[in-house]
Amino acid sequence: MEERSKTNKEIFEEKYPSKKLSLSPMICVEAIGYLKALREYFPSEKKWVDSYITALRAVLLFYTL
């Protein structure tokens, strides 16, 4: 059976699981930076990256309240 490569989204979700993101605002900021770099180097990933960034900004807004 042939091995397949992980997608950028799978790698991101492995590196930044949602539970980890919900526990620390600094990890959210780090994840946003990672996503911005992905968007810069892989423009085809823009759609899901932008939606993740929006969600992470909402989490950060929660921390500021």
PDB file of N, CA and C in Angstrom:
ATOM      1  N   MET A   1       0.837  -1.176   0.000  1.00  0.00           N
ATOM      2  CA  MET A   1       0.000   0.000   0.000  1.00  0.00           C
ATOM      3  C   MET A   1       0.888   1.247   0.000  1.00  0.00           C
ATOM      4  N   GLU A   2       0.504   2.227  -0.775  1.00  0.00           N
ATOM      5  CA  GLU A   2       1.291   3.436  -0.925  1.00  0.00           C
ATOM      6  C   GLU A   2       0.987   4.441   0.180  1.00  0.00           C
ATOM      7  N   GLU A   3       2.044   5.039   0.728  1.00  0.00           N
ATOM      8  CA  GLU A   3       1.857   6.067   1.752  1.00  0.00           C
ATOM      9  C   GLU A   3       1.507   7.375   1.089  1.00  0.00           C
ATOM     10  N   ARG A   4       0.630   8.126   1.749  1.00  0.00           N
ATOM     11  CA  ARG A   4       0.292   9.426   1.201  1.00  0.00           C
ATOM     12  C   ARG A   4       0.859  10.507   2.100  1.00  0.00           C
ATOM     13  N   SER A   5       1.127  11.651   1.526  1.00  0.00           N
ATOM     14  CA  SER A   5       1.642  12.777   2.294  1.00  0.00           C
ATOM     15  C   SER A   5       0.511  13.449   3.045  1.00  0.00           C
ATOM     16  N   LYS A   6       0.847  14.009   4.184  1.00  0.00           N
ATOM     17  CA  LYS A   6      -0.148  14.760   4.938  1.00  0.00           C
ATOM     18  C   LYS A   6      -0.353  16.117   4.274  1.00  0.00           C
ATOM     19  N   THR A   7      -1.575  16.604   4.355  1.00  0.00           N
ATOM     20  CA  THR A   7      -1.854  17.929   3.823  1.00  0.00           C
ATOM     21  C   THR A   7      -1.408  18.971   4.844  1.00  0.00           C
ATOM     22  N   ASN A   8      -1.303  20.204   4.406  1.00  0.00           N
ATOM     23  CA  ASN A   8      -0.928  21.293   5.309  1.00  0.00           C
ATOM     24  C   ASN A   8      -1.939  21.431   6.439  1.00  0.00           C
ATOM     25  N   LYS A   9      -3.198  21.211   6.134  1.00  0.00           N
ATOM     26  CA  LYS A   9      -4.244  21.309   7.156  1.00  0.00           C
ATOM     27  C   LYS A   9      -4.067  20.208   8.209  1.00  0.00           C
ATOM     28  N   GLU A  10      -3.765  18.996   7.776  1.00  0.00           N
ATOM     29  CA  GLU A  10      -3.552  17.900   8.721  1.00  0.00           C
ATOM     30  C   GLU A  10      -2.339  18.169   9.616  1.00  0.00           C
ATOM     31  N   ILE A  11      -1.290  18.702   9.032  1.00  0.00           N
ATOM     32  CA  ILE A  11      -0.092  19.033   9.809  1.00  0.00           C
ATOM     33  C   ILE A  11      -0.413  20.117  10.832  1.00  0.00           C
ATOM     34  N   PHE A  12      -1.146  21.136  10.415  1.00  0.00           N
ATOM     35  CA  PHE A  12      -1.529  22.209  11.336  1.00  0.00           C
ATOM     36  C   PHE A  12      -2.371  21.666  12.483  1.00  0.00           C
ATOM     37  N   GLU A  13      -3.368  20.856  12.169  1.00  0.00           N
ATOM     38  CA  GLU A  13      -4.255  20.315  13.206  1.00  0.00           C
ATOM     39  C   GLU A  13      -3.522  19.360  14.145  1.00  0.00           C
ATOM     40  N   GLU A  14      -2.456  18.730  13.665  1.00  0.00           N
ATOM     41  CA  GLU A  14      -1.649  17.868  14.517  1.00  0.00           C
ATOM     42  C   GLU A  14      -0.763  18.713  15.442  1.00  0.00           C
ATOM     43  N   LYS A  15      -0.217  19.785  14.893  1.00  0.00           N
ATOM     44  CA  LYS A  15       0.666  20.663  15.664  1.00  0.00           C
ATOM     45  C   LYS A  15      -0.122  21.512  16.664  1.00  0.00           C
ATOM     46  N   TYR A  16      -1.300  21.952  16.283  1.00  0.00           N
ATOM     47  CA  TYR A  16      -2.145  22.812  17.115  1.00  0.00           C
ATOM     48  C   TYR A  16      -3.541  22.197  17.271  1.00  0.00           C
ATOM     49  N   PRO A  17      -3.683  21.184  18.115  1.00  0.00           N
ATOM     50  CA  PRO A  17      -5.022  20.612  18.332  1.00  0.00           C
ATOM     51  C   PRO A  17      -5.940  21.641  18.997  1.00  0.00           C
ATOM     52  N   SER A  18      -7.231  21.535  18.746  1.00  0.00           N
ATOM     53  CA  SER A  18      -8.181  22.536  19.241  1.00  0.00           C
ATOM     54  C   SER A  18      -8.169  22.642  20.763  1.00  0.00           C
ATOM     55  N   LYS A  19      -7.954  21.541  21.455  1.00  0.00           N
ATOM     56  CA  LYS A  19      -7.904  21.590  22.924  1.00  0.00           C
ATOM     57  C   LYS A  19      -6.728  22.454  23.396  1.00  0.00           C
ATOM     58  N   LYS A  20      -5.595  22.300  22.740  1.00  0.00           N
ATOM     59  CA  LYS A  20      -4.406  23.077  23.071  1.00  0.00           C
ATOM     60  C   LYS A  20      -4.639  24.567  22.790  1.00  0.00           C
ATOM     61  N   LEU A  21      -5.316  24.863  21.694  1.00  0.00           N
ATOM     62  CA  LEU A  21      -5.592  26.254  21.326  1.00  0.00           C
ATOM     63  C   LEU A  21      -6.550  26.916  22.303  1.00  0.00           C
ATOM     64  N   SER A  22      -7.485  26.146  22.830  1.00  0.00           N
ATOM     65  CA  SER A  22      -8.469  26.728  23.738  1.00  0.00           C
ATOM     66  C   SER A  22      -7.893  27.003  25.126  1.00  0.00           C
ATOM     67  N   LEU A  23      -6.719  26.472  25.421  1.00  0.00           N
ATOM     68  CA  LEU A  23      -6.141  26.631  26.754  1.00  0.00           C
ATOM     69  C   LEU A  23      -5.186  27.814  26.892  1.00  0.00           C
ATOM     70  N   SER A  24      -4.647  28.311  25.792  1.00  0.00           N
ATOM     71  CA  SER A  24      -3.626  29.347  25.898  1.00  0.00           C
ATOM     72  C   SER A  24      -3.733  30.383  24.778  1.00  0.00           C
ATOM     73  N   PRO A  25      -3.837  31.664  25.155  1.00  0.00           N
ATOM     74  CA  PRO A  25      -3.876  32.702  24.113  1.00  0.00           C
ATOM     75  C   PRO A  25      -2.545  32.821  23.362  1.00  0.00           C
ATOM     76  N   MET A  26      -1.437  32.514  24.022  1.00  0.00           N
ATOM     77  CA  MET A  26      -0.141  32.597  23.336  1.00  0.00           C
ATOM     78  C   MET A  26      -0.021  31.535  22.239  1.00  0.00           C
ATOM     79  N   ILE A  27      -0.579  30.386  22.479  1.00  0.00           N
ATOM     80  CA  ILE A  27      -0.554  29.338  21.460  1.00  0.00           C
ATOM     81  C   ILE A  27      -1.447  29.742  20.288  1.00  0.00           C
ATOM     82  N   CYS A  28      -2.553  30.432  20.584  1.00  0.00           N
ATOM     83  CA  CYS A  28      -3.418  30.939  19.513  1.00  0.00           C
ATOM     84  C   CYS A  28      -2.663  31.930  18.629  1.00  0.00           C
ATOM     85  N   VAL A  29      -1.908  32.820  19.261  1.00  0.00           N
ATOM     86  CA  VAL A  29      -1.127  33.807  18.500  1.00  0.00           C
ATOM     87  C   VAL A  29      -0.073  33.098  17.655  1.00  0.00           C
ATOM     88  N   GLU A  30       0.578  32.105  18.230  1.00  0.00           N
ATOM     89  CA  GLU A  30       1.573  31.328  17.487  1.00  0.00           C
ATOM     90  C   GLU A  30       0.929  30.634  16.289  1.00  0.00           C
ATOM     91  N   ALA A  31      -0.253  30.065  16.501  1.00  0.00           N
ATOM     92  CA  ALA A  31      -0.964  29.371  15.427  1.00  0.00           C
ATOM     93  C   ALA A  31      -1.368  30.347  14.320  1.00  0.00           C
ATOM     94  N   ILE A  32      -1.774  31.557  14.702  1.00  0.00           N
ATOM     95  CA  ILE A  32      -2.136  32.562  13.693  1.00  0.00           C
ATOM     96  C   ILE A  32      -0.913  32.901  12.848  1.00  0.00           C
ATOM     97  N   GLY A  33       0.244  33.049  13.474  1.00  0.00           N
ATOM     98  CA  GLY A  33       1.479  33.300  12.722  1.00  0.00           C
ATOM     99  C   GLY A  33       1.805  32.168  11.767  1.00  0.00           C
ATOM    100  N   TYR A  34       1.630  30.951  12.231  1.00  0.00           N
ATOM    101  CA  TYR A  34       1.868  29.764  11.393  1.00  0.00           C
ATOM    102  C   TYR A  34       0.934  29.796  10.185  1.00  0.00           C
ATOM    103  N   LEU A  35      -0.344  30.120  10.445  1.00  0.00           N
ATOM    104  CA  LEU A  35      -1.324  30.155   9.359  1.00  0.00           C
ATOM    105  C   LEU A  35      -1.021  31.274   8.362  1.00  0.00           C
ATOM    106  N   LYS A  36      -0.573  32.407   8.860  1.00  0.00           N
ATOM    107  CA  LYS A  36      -0.220  33.509   7.950  1.00  0.00           C
ATOM    108  C   LYS A  36       0.943  33.116   7.052  1.00  0.00           C
ATOM    109  N   ALA A  37       1.909  32.386   7.598  1.00  0.00           N
ATOM    110  CA  ALA A  37       3.023  31.902   6.781  1.00  0.00           C
ATOM    111  C   ALA A  37       2.531  30.899   5.740  1.00  0.00           C
ATOM    112  N   LEU A  38       1.623  30.015   6.145  1.00  0.00           N
ATOM    113  CA  LEU A  38       1.046  29.061   5.182  1.00  0.00           C
ATOM    114  C   LEU A  38       0.350  29.795   4.043  1.00  0.00           C
ATOM    115  N   ARG A  39      -0.428  30.816   4.415  1.00  0.00           N
ATOM    116  CA  ARG A  39      -1.158  31.580   3.396  1.00  0.00           C
ATOM    117  C   ARG A  39      -0.195  32.275   2.439  1.00  0.00           C
ATOM    118  N   GLU A  40       0.930  32.737   2.954  1.00  0.00           N
ATOM    119  CA  GLU A  40       1.926  33.418   2.130  1.00  0.00           C
ATOM    120  C   GLU A  40       2.604  32.468   1.144  1.00  0.00           C
ATOM    121  N   TYR A  41       2.974  31.282   1.629  1.00  0.00           N
ATOM    122  CA  TYR A  41       3.729  30.343   0.804  1.00  0.00           C
ATOM    123  C   TYR A  41       2.860  29.375   0.011  1.00  0.00           C
ATOM    124  N   PHE A  42       1.620  29.190   0.429  1.00  0.00           N
ATOM    125  CA  PHE A  42       0.693  28.304  -0.277  1.00  0.00           C
ATOM    126  C   PHE A  42      -0.634  29.038  -0.502  1.00  0.00           C
ATOM    127  N   PRO A  43      -0.712  29.910  -1.487  1.00  0.00           N
ATOM    128  CA  PRO A  43      -1.940  30.682  -1.721  1.00  0.00           C
ATOM    129  C   PRO A  43      -3.178  29.819  -1.955  1.00  0.00           C
ATOM    130  N   SER A  44      -3.012  28.600  -2.379  1.00  0.00           N
ATOM    131  CA  SER A  44      -4.168  27.720  -2.605  1.00  0.00           C
ATOM    132  C   SER A  44      -4.851  27.326  -1.299  1.00  0.00           C
ATOM    133  N   GLU A  45      -4.173  27.515  -0.181  1.00  0.00           N
ATOM    134  CA  GLU A  45      -4.722  27.163   1.134  1.00  0.00           C
ATOM    135  C   GLU A  45      -5.489  28.321   1.769  1.00  0.00           C
ATOM    136  N   LYS A  46      -5.611  29.427   1.061  1.00  0.00           N
ATOM    137  CA  LYS A  46      -6.163  30.660   1.614  1.00  0.00           C
ATOM    138  C   LYS A  46      -7.542  30.500   2.242  1.00  0.00           C
ATOM    139  N   LYS A  47      -8.405  29.748   1.644  1.00  0.00           N
ATOM    140  CA  LYS A  47      -9.789  29.655   2.109  1.00  0.00           C
ATOM    141  C   LYS A  47      -9.880  29.086   3.531  1.00  0.00           C
ATOM    142  N   TRP A  48      -9.307  27.915   3.761  1.00  0.00           N
ATOM    143  CA  TRP A  48      -9.409  27.331   5.101  1.00  0.00           C
ATOM    144  C   TRP A  48      -8.533  28.062   6.104  1.00  0.00           C
ATOM    145  N   VAL A  49      -7.401  28.620   5.641  1.00  0.00           N
ATOM    146  CA  VAL A  49      -6.529  29.373   6.543  1.00  0.00           C
ATOM    147  C   VAL A  49      -7.256  30.603   7.070  1.00  0.00           C
ATOM    148  N   ASP A  50      -7.917  31.332   6.194  1.00  0.00           N
ATOM    149  CA  ASP A  50      -8.639  32.530   6.624  1.00  0.00           C
ATOM    150  C   ASP A  50      -9.757  32.203   7.612  1.00  0.00           C
ATOM    151  N   SER A  51     -10.440  31.088   7.410  1.00  0.00           N
ATOM    152  CA  SER A  51     -11.502  30.724   8.343  1.00  0.00           C
ATOM    153  C   SER A  51     -10.925  30.335   9.703  1.00  0.00           C
ATOM    154  N   TYR A  52      -9.782  29.653   9.723  1.00  0.00           N
ATOM    155  CA  TYR A  52      -9.124  29.316  10.986  1.00  0.00           C
ATOM    156  C   TYR A  52      -8.652  30.576  11.705  1.00  0.00           C
ATOM    157  N   ILE A  53      -8.072  31.510  10.956  1.00  0.00           N
ATOM    158  CA  ILE A  53      -7.601  32.757  11.572  1.00  0.00           C
ATOM    159  C   ILE A  53      -8.770  33.501  12.207  1.00  0.00           C
ATOM    160  N   THR A  54      -9.893  33.556  11.539  1.00  0.00           N
ATOM    161  CA  THR A  54     -11.085  34.218  12.086  1.00  0.00           C
ATOM    162  C   THR A  54     -11.527  33.542  13.380  1.00  0.00           C
ATOM    163  N   ALA A  55     -11.539  32.221  13.393  1.00  0.00           N
ATOM    164  CA  ALA A  55     -11.933  31.490  14.596  1.00  0.00           C
ATOM    165  C   ALA A  55     -10.948  31.734  15.739  1.00  0.00           C
ATOM    166  N   LEU A  56      -9.666  31.751  15.428  1.00  0.00           N
ATOM    167  CA  LEU A  56      -8.662  31.983  16.475  1.00  0.00           C
ATOM    168  C   LEU A  56      -8.735  33.405  17.017  1.00  0.00           C
ATOM    169  N   ARG A  57      -9.056  34.342  16.163  1.00  0.00           N
ATOM    170  CA  ARG A  57      -9.240  35.725  16.646  1.00  0.00           C
ATOM    171  C   ARG A  57     -10.435  35.815  17.582  1.00  0.00           C
ATOM    172  N   ALA A  58     -11.464  35.045  17.315  1.00  0.00           N
ATOM    173  CA  ALA A  58     -12.626  35.013  18.214  1.00  0.00           C
ATOM    174  C   ALA A  58     -12.226  34.436  19.573  1.00  0.00           C
ATOM    175  N   VAL A  59     -11.396  33.411  19.568  1.00  0.00           N
ATOM    176  CA  VAL A  59     -10.898  32.835  20.831  1.00  0.00           C
ATOM    177  C   VAL A  59     -10.081  33.880  21.587  1.00  0.00           C
ATOM    178  N   LEU A  60      -9.238  34.615  20.879  1.00  0.00           N
ATOM    179  CA  LEU A  60      -8.443  35.657  21.525  1.00  0.00           C
ATOM    180  C   LEU A  60      -9.329  36.771  22.084  1.00  0.00           C
ATOM    181  N   LEU A  61     -10.388  37.085  21.377  1.00  0.00           N
ATOM    182  CA  LEU A  61     -11.330  38.085  21.870  1.00  0.00           C
ATOM    183  C   LEU A  61     -11.967  37.616  23.177  1.00  0.00           C
ATOM    184  N   PHE A  62     -12.277  36.349  23.268  1.00  0.00           N
ATOM    185  CA  PHE A  62     -12.821  35.776  24.496  1.00  0.00           C
ATOM    186  C   PHE A  62     -11.852  35.975  25.660  1.00  0.00           C
ATOM    187  N   TYR A  63     -10.554  35.787  25.404  1.00  0.00           N
ATOM    188  CA  TYR A  63      -9.553  35.948  26.464  1.00  0.00           C
ATOM    189  C   TYR A  63      -9.430  37.400  26.932  1.00  0.00           C
ATOM    190  N   THR A  64      -9.748  38.359  26.076  1.00  0.00           N
ATOM    191  CA  THR A  64      -9.637  39.767  26.471  1.00  0.00           C
ATOM    192  C   THR A  64     -10.808  40.237  27.311  1.00  0.00           C
ATOM    193  N   LEU A  65     -11.886  39.493  27.343  1.00  0.00           N
ATOM    194  CA  LEU A  65     -13.049  39.915  28.116  1.00  0.00           C
ATOM    195  C   LEU A  65     -12.876  39.701  29.589  1.00  0.00           C
TER     196      LEU A  65
END
